[in-house]
Amino acid sequence: MQKLFLFVDKVSTWVGQLFAWLIIALTALICYEVFARYVLNSPHPWAFDVQIMMYGTLFMMAGAYTLSKNGHVRGDILYGFLQARTQASLDLVLYILFFIPGVVAIVWAGYTYAGESWAIREHSSITADGPPLYPFKAMIPLAGAVLLLQGFVEILRCLICIQQGDWPSREEDVEEVDVEKLKSMVKAD
């Protein structure tokens, strides 16, 4: 089971790191557009739309990566003091009540939304001849599917933790030290 967990973690990490390169392209596009606007006095009407789509894609595709690294925001001040089984039980309830229905809704609605956009070859209406929106809208169900896959692995991790009392390991990336510092300050176990 641990091999499956780490494989899905690696897939989520790979997808997140692949799309993270969009930040370089986005930065280059913004710099070019600022140069074109203020130095060449020739702004491009499509640039704003493309910047929003690139940032949106980057943001959506980072969700599963962040979940695989246990990096989403939670009430760590209280959560960090809970026993592993209690944390897993709380996470499991929240995954079942909120995460799974929410992400399934995103995938379902995103699939419909993207399909309609591809069918009409939708373009942005902010400018007269805006860039195509359908590739951007296709990222919604794709990001949701990868996030859902990672979510199922997290649910299985919760079940194993409830059963065994310890969290299964995950692929290492960045080590969080805030909770440990806080525990040592109040001399908690």
Protein backbone atom coordinates (compact mmCIF):
# COMPACT_ATOMS: atom_id res chain seq x y z
CA MET A 1 0.00 0.00 0.00
CA GLN A 2 2.88 2.34 0.83
CA LYS A 3 4.23 1.97 -2.72
CA LEU A 4 0.86 3.12 -4.09
CA PHE A 5 0.89 6.14 -1.75
CA LEU A 6 4.38 7.15 -2.80
CA PHE A 7 3.59 6.58 -6.49
CA VAL A 8 0.56 8.89 -6.35
CA ASP A 9 2.64 11.40 -4.34
CA LYS A 10 5.26 11.28 -7.10
CA VAL A 11 2.63 11.80 -9.81
CA SER A 12 1.21 14.79 -7.94
CA THR A 13 4.73 16.14 -7.40
CA TRP A 14 5.64 15.67 -11.05
CA VAL A 15 2.46 17.44 -12.23
CA GLY A 16 3.01 20.28 -9.76
CA GLN A 17 6.64 20.72 -10.73
CA LEU A 18 5.83 20.53 -14.44
CA PHE A 19 3.25 23.30 -14.22
CA ALA A 20 5.44 25.32 -11.84
CA TRP A 21 7.51 26.24 -14.88
CA LEU A 22 4.58 28.41 -15.93
CA ILE A 23 5.80 30.96 -13.40
CA ILE A 24 8.89 31.53 -15.56
CA ALA A 25 6.78 31.99 -18.68
CA LEU A 26 4.36 34.21 -16.79
CA THR A 27 7.17 36.38 -15.45
CA ALA A 28 8.68 36.68 -18.92
CA LEU A 29 5.31 37.59 -20.42
CA ILE A 30 4.67 40.26 -17.78
CA CYS A 31 8.14 41.75 -18.26
CA TYR A 32 7.72 41.75 -22.03
CA GLU A 33 4.29 43.36 -21.78
CA VAL A 34 5.56 46.08 -19.42
CA PHE A 35 8.43 46.74 -21.84
CA ALA A 36 6.07 46.79 -24.84
CA ARG A 37 3.61 49.08 -23.08
CA TYR A 38 5.96 51.66 -21.57
CA VAL A 39 9.03 51.57 -23.81
CA LEU A 40 7.62 50.64 -27.21
CA ASN A 41 4.22 52.23 -26.54
CA SER A 42 2.63 49.16 -28.14
CA PRO A 43 0.64 47.13 -25.59
CA HIS A 44 -0.95 43.85 -26.61
CA PRO A 45 -4.66 43.51 -25.83
CA TRP A 46 -4.40 39.73 -25.40
CA ALA A 47 -1.63 39.84 -22.78
CA PHE A 48 -3.86 40.39 -19.75
CA ASP A 49 -6.09 37.43 -20.66
CA VAL A 50 -3.10 35.15 -21.21
CA GLN A 51 -1.54 36.22 -17.90
CA ILE A 52 -4.74 35.37 -16.02
CA MET A 53 -5.01 32.00 -17.77
CA MET A 54 -1.37 31.13 -17.03
CA TYR A 55 -1.70 32.05 -13.37
CA GLY A 56 -5.01 30.20 -13.07
CA THR A 57 -3.49 27.08 -14.59
CA LEU A 58 -0.50 27.29 -12.27
CA PHE A 59 -2.76 27.74 -9.25
CA MET A 60 -5.11 24.88 -10.16
CA MET A 61 -2.37 22.40 -10.97
CA ALA A 62 -0.57 23.09 -7.68
CA GLY A 63 -3.44 21.73 -5.57
CA ALA A 64 -2.54 18.05 -5.71
CA TYR A 65 1.15 18.82 -5.25
CA THR A 66 0.39 20.82 -2.11
CA LEU A 67 -1.90 18.09 -0.78
CA SER A 68 0.76 15.44 -1.41
CA LYS A 69 3.20 17.47 0.69
CA ASN A 70 0.63 18.00 3.46
CA GLY A 71 0.97 21.72 2.83
CA HIS A 72 -2.60 22.99 2.77
CA VAL A 73 -3.55 25.46 5.46
CA ARG A 74 -5.21 24.14 8.60
CA GLY A 75 -5.47 25.21 12.22
CA ASP A 76 -1.98 23.91 13.04
CA ILE A 77 -1.88 25.53 16.46
CA LEU A 78 -4.58 23.20 17.74
CA TYR A 79 -4.19 20.39 15.21
CA GLY A 80 -0.50 19.92 15.97
CA PHE A 81 -1.25 19.11 19.61
CA LEU A 82 -3.67 16.32 18.76
CA GLN A 83 -2.65 12.67 18.73
CA ALA A 84 -2.08 11.15 15.29
CA ARG A 85 -5.24 9.04 15.50
CA THR A 86 -7.32 12.09 16.41
CA GLN A 87 -5.79 14.07 13.56
CA ALA A 88 -6.53 11.23 11.13
CA SER A 89 -10.10 10.88 12.38
CA LEU A 90 -10.72 14.60 11.99
CA ASP A 91 -9.11 14.63 8.54
CA LEU A 92 -11.13 11.60 7.45
CA VAL A 93 -14.42 13.22 8.41
CA LEU A 94 -13.48 16.44 6.63
CA TYR A 95 -12.30 14.61 3.51
CA ILE A 96 -15.57 12.67 3.29
CA LEU A 97 -17.89 15.58 4.12
CA PHE A 98 -16.24 18.41 2.21
CA PHE A 99 -13.24 17.44 0.10
CA ILE A 100 -14.64 14.55 -1.94
CA PRO A 101 -18.01 16.18 -2.76
CA GLY A 102 -16.32 19.49 -3.56
CA VAL A 103 -13.67 18.06 -5.83
CA VAL A 104 -16.12 15.69 -7.56
CA ALA A 105 -18.30 18.76 -8.24
CA ILE A 106 -15.29 20.60 -9.68
CA VAL A 107 -14.41 17.67 -11.96
CA TRP A 108 -18.02 17.17 -13.07
CA ALA A 109 -18.80 20.85 -13.66
CA GLY A 110 -15.34 21.48 -15.11
CA TYR A 111 -15.75 18.65 -17.59
CA THR A 112 -19.08 20.07 -18.76
CA TYR A 113 -17.73 23.61 -18.76
CA ALA A 114 -14.62 22.64 -20.75
CA GLY A 115 -16.61 20.47 -23.16
CA GLU A 116 -18.94 23.33 -24.03
CA SER A 117 -15.97 25.65 -24.47
CA TRP A 118 -14.20 23.20 -26.81
CA ALA A 119 -17.41 22.66 -28.79
CA ILE A 120 -17.72 26.34 -29.67
CA ARG A 121 -13.97 27.06 -29.69
CA GLU A 122 -14.58 29.78 -27.13
CA HIS A 123 -12.39 32.87 -27.10
CA SER A 124 -12.06 35.57 -24.49
CA SER A 125 -14.58 38.36 -24.89
CA ILE A 126 -12.60 40.92 -22.89
CA THR A 127 -10.79 42.03 -26.04
CA ALA A 128 -12.06 42.13 -29.62
CA ASP A 129 -9.99 39.15 -30.76
CA GLY A 130 -9.21 37.48 -27.45
CA PRO A 131 -7.12 34.36 -26.99
CA PRO A 132 -8.79 30.94 -26.90
CA LEU A 133 -10.26 29.94 -23.54
CA TYR A 134 -10.90 26.25 -24.19
CA PRO A 135 -7.36 25.02 -23.38
CA PHE A 136 -7.51 26.92 -20.09
CA LYS A 137 -10.94 25.54 -19.23
CA ALA A 138 -9.69 22.01 -19.96
CA MET A 139 -7.30 22.42 -17.02
CA ILE A 140 -10.24 22.53 -14.57
CA PRO A 141 -11.29 18.86 -14.79
CA LEU A 142 -7.65 17.78 -15.23
CA ALA A 143 -6.58 19.57 -12.04
CA GLY A 144 -9.63 18.22 -10.25
CA ALA A 145 -8.89 14.65 -11.33
CA VAL A 146 -5.29 14.79 -10.10
CA LEU A 147 -6.47 16.39 -6.84
CA LEU A 148 -9.14 13.71 -6.42
CA LEU A 149 -6.58 10.95 -6.93
CA GLN A 150 -4.35 12.50 -4.27
CA GLY A 151 -7.38 12.93 -2.01
CA PHE A 152 -8.18 9.21 -2.16
CA VAL A 153 -4.61 8.45 -1.13
CA GLU A 154 -4.97 10.88 1.77
CA ILE A 155 -8.16 9.12 2.88
CA LEU A 156 -6.32 5.79 2.83
CA ARG A 157 -3.51 7.39 4.84
CA CYS A 158 -6.08 8.51 7.41
CA LEU A 159 -7.50 4.99 7.68
CA ILE A 160 -4.05 3.48 8.15
CA CYS A 161 -3.16 6.07 10.77
CA ILE A 162 -6.38 5.39 12.68
CA GLN A 163 -5.58 1.68 12.57
CA GLN A 164 -1.84 1.84 13.36
CA GLY A 165 -1.53 5.06 15.37
CA ASP A 166 1.13 6.66 13.14
CA TRP A 167 0.95 8.49 9.85
CA PRO A 168 2.30 6.57 6.85
CA SER A 169 5.36 8.21 5.38
CA ARG A 170 5.10 10.49 2.39
CA GLU A 171 7.57 11.66 -0.19
CA GLU A 172 9.92 14.16 1.43
CA ASP A 173 10.06 17.73 0.19
CA VAL A 174 10.11 20.45 2.80
CA GLU A 175 10.19 19.77 6.50
CA GLU A 176 7.89 21.83 8.67
CA VAL A 177 9.35 22.87 12.01
CA ASP A 178 6.80 25.34 13.40
CA VAL A 179 4.72 22.73 15.24
CA GLU A 180 7.80 21.17 16.83
CA LYS A 181 9.06 24.58 17.96
CA LEU A 182 5.67 25.38 19.44
CA LYS A 183 5.56 22.04 21.26
CA SER A 184 9.02 22.58 22.72
CA MET A 185 8.10 26.08 23.88
CA VAL A 186 5.17 24.75 25.94
CA LYS A 187 7.04 21.55 26.84
CA ALA A 188 4.42 19.26 25.25
CA ASP A 189 5.10 15.73 24.08
